[in-house]
Amino acid sequence: MSAHLDPERVPLTAGVAAGLGPTLGSPRDAPNASTFSAPSERATGPRRVPASSFAASALALFALAGVAAVALFSARGFPLLGAASPRAPDTCAERVRSATRDATFYAADVFHWTPFGAPGGNDLHRDPADGDILRAKTTTAQFMYPTWLVPPLRADPRRVGRPEDADLIVLTDDLVDVSPFIAKFAWHASHPEETEGSWARLEKWWRDDADGEKQGRVLVREAKRRLKLLKRRAEATATRRPRWAYLLPSEWMFTKDDLAEELRLGSAFAEALGDDAMAAVTDFDDLGPSLSDVVATVPFATHTAVAEALLAAGGVVDYAAKRRRTFFKGTGDRGAEGALGRQTDARTALRALEGAKGHAVFVSSDSMSEKALRRGSKNAPSYEEGMLTSTYCWVPRGDNPTSRRVFDAVAAGCIPVVVSDDIARYLPFRWAVDWRAMILQVPEAVFAANPVEVADAVLALPDALVETLRARMDAARFKVLWNDRADPATACEEEALKAGGRGKEARKRQCSEAPRLYLDEMLYRAKTGIEDPDAALCEEGPRGDPRWNDGRAWNAEGTCPPWLAAEKLC
């Protein structure tokens, strides 16, 4: 390969694929406007928050919440819930945005590869139809956020045309297509249950079939070569050492231990980029990231049917169509595959709400017969219909503490009732989104002991509080929604933000902020060296201001929210 060739446009070797697929287009002629230099050696950020710190933070948080509860449950408190709070003079989000305003980044597709050439291609971002309860499980669609990221990055004024001019190099590859483990999900989503042996064939392709493993090794070797080439070019004439950012569908899937080292794409990143790389993931296991590169989390892509309903409504949730009920639809057989090693108590306890008044809860099991599944599905609304027509949506932990459901719920205007103590570690953009102000978090032990009582307490929450939670979701929705457009190839135009009117015009005013927040955070981490995904991005705020959001994670274990304490449930 000639050294002058642009790495983002060099095709893969003939045995793997014909070409890279879409790139970011022609490089733009932009000056290097950087006002800071990334450190040549990885800076030491705050250490991972120990359990004692979580406990101390939780005590402090709920001490403050206890004071707030006095107002919340007083006659004078309710009228204030819906009132707009005076704007804080300074926020962490403003600090991050200001610090990265003049930063620069270079975006590149190093490789683009679909293992099976699966039919549908770009349609992999769509969710399969929700045929029954059991089949409403994880699909590749929730991991397709890089598809929605590229157009906004192309339009960002901080993008430069040469890697050597950048403070940060952003790899925009859709790693759903290239991670061997995720490839199984991509194939399964494109070929749903064609035969009973479909999964067995996939296993054979990757693990037993000589040609399959050969192509896998070619992929990993080529990834290493391309990354090293781009890194040499970036550092050849640069006055500082740039950092690298890339997105993973899921950290634990990316490092699945049943794959040989030469078949792990993660080894290519580790060897080529070393300590200069930073990864953002949707989730990792309970024990924390196994990849040292993981520094942040990003939202799952919202369920396609929910996103399309929101788009059709001009980005406005129809709260008048909602019923005062809680909703859950999905399997109860989760938890055993994660670090927990057993079925989650939260999902098991949800079964107590099946058939109860005010609760549309449908819990399936892998061991249920097809007849039982059909019987349960007959009376159940679809996943998206339940989200869009219910006031509250249960978000229990799964194999990991997080769940795609929390983003689906926010998009659908369904107040998330989170039964997962450690979910905060996975909630993205905590420095820009005040998650604690718009979710109802129930300690797992409290819900497991009193599921019916907790559910009744949810339904008994006053209308003023419901309206406040909805207003906060409305304010945050487009900060965590990737798929805000009908076509991922269409960028959200900045001038559309100024458009007025209703219907189609109102729809134009809604633009996803998730791509910018992702880029802001990675640029800020590159500048400051803060790489602990649990740590605060902004250490100091206005003294005593409860609205200050520093981005720190928290843990709900052993806590008691005021609305549950009022019912003597903890």
Foldseek 3Di string as FASTA:
>chain_A
DDLPDDLQWDAAPPLFDDGFPDKLPAFDAAALQDPFAFAQFQDDADDFDDPVNQVVVQVVVVVVLVVVLVLVPDPNNLVCLQDDDPDAPDALVVVLCVNCVRAAEEEGANGEGARPPQPPVVPQLAADFQPFQAVVDDACNQLQLLLLQSVVVSVDNRYGRFLLSHQEYEYSYSCCRQQLLSSLRSNCRRCPCPDPCSSVVSCCLCPPDPSSVVNLLSSLVSLLVSLLSSLCRNPVPHPHRHAYEYEDAEQCSQPPPVHDPSNRNVNSCCVRHNPRYAYEYLYYFPVDGPDLRYFFYAAGAAHPVLLVVCLQQLNDADQVQADLAEEDGHEQQFQCPGPNNHGALLSVLLVVCVPPPRYQYQYHYPPDDPVVRVVSRVPHDGPNVRLQHYQAYEFEQGNHQHDNVVLNNLSSLHQYAYAGFFHLLNDGPLSPAVVVLQHNYDHNVLCSVPVPLVRVLSSPNDPSSSSSNSVSSSVCNLQRHSPNDPGSNDALDPVLLVFDDGRPSSSSNRHRCPSVSVVSVVSLCSRPSHRHSQDFSDDDDDPPDPVHGRNHGHGCHPHARSSRVVVVSD
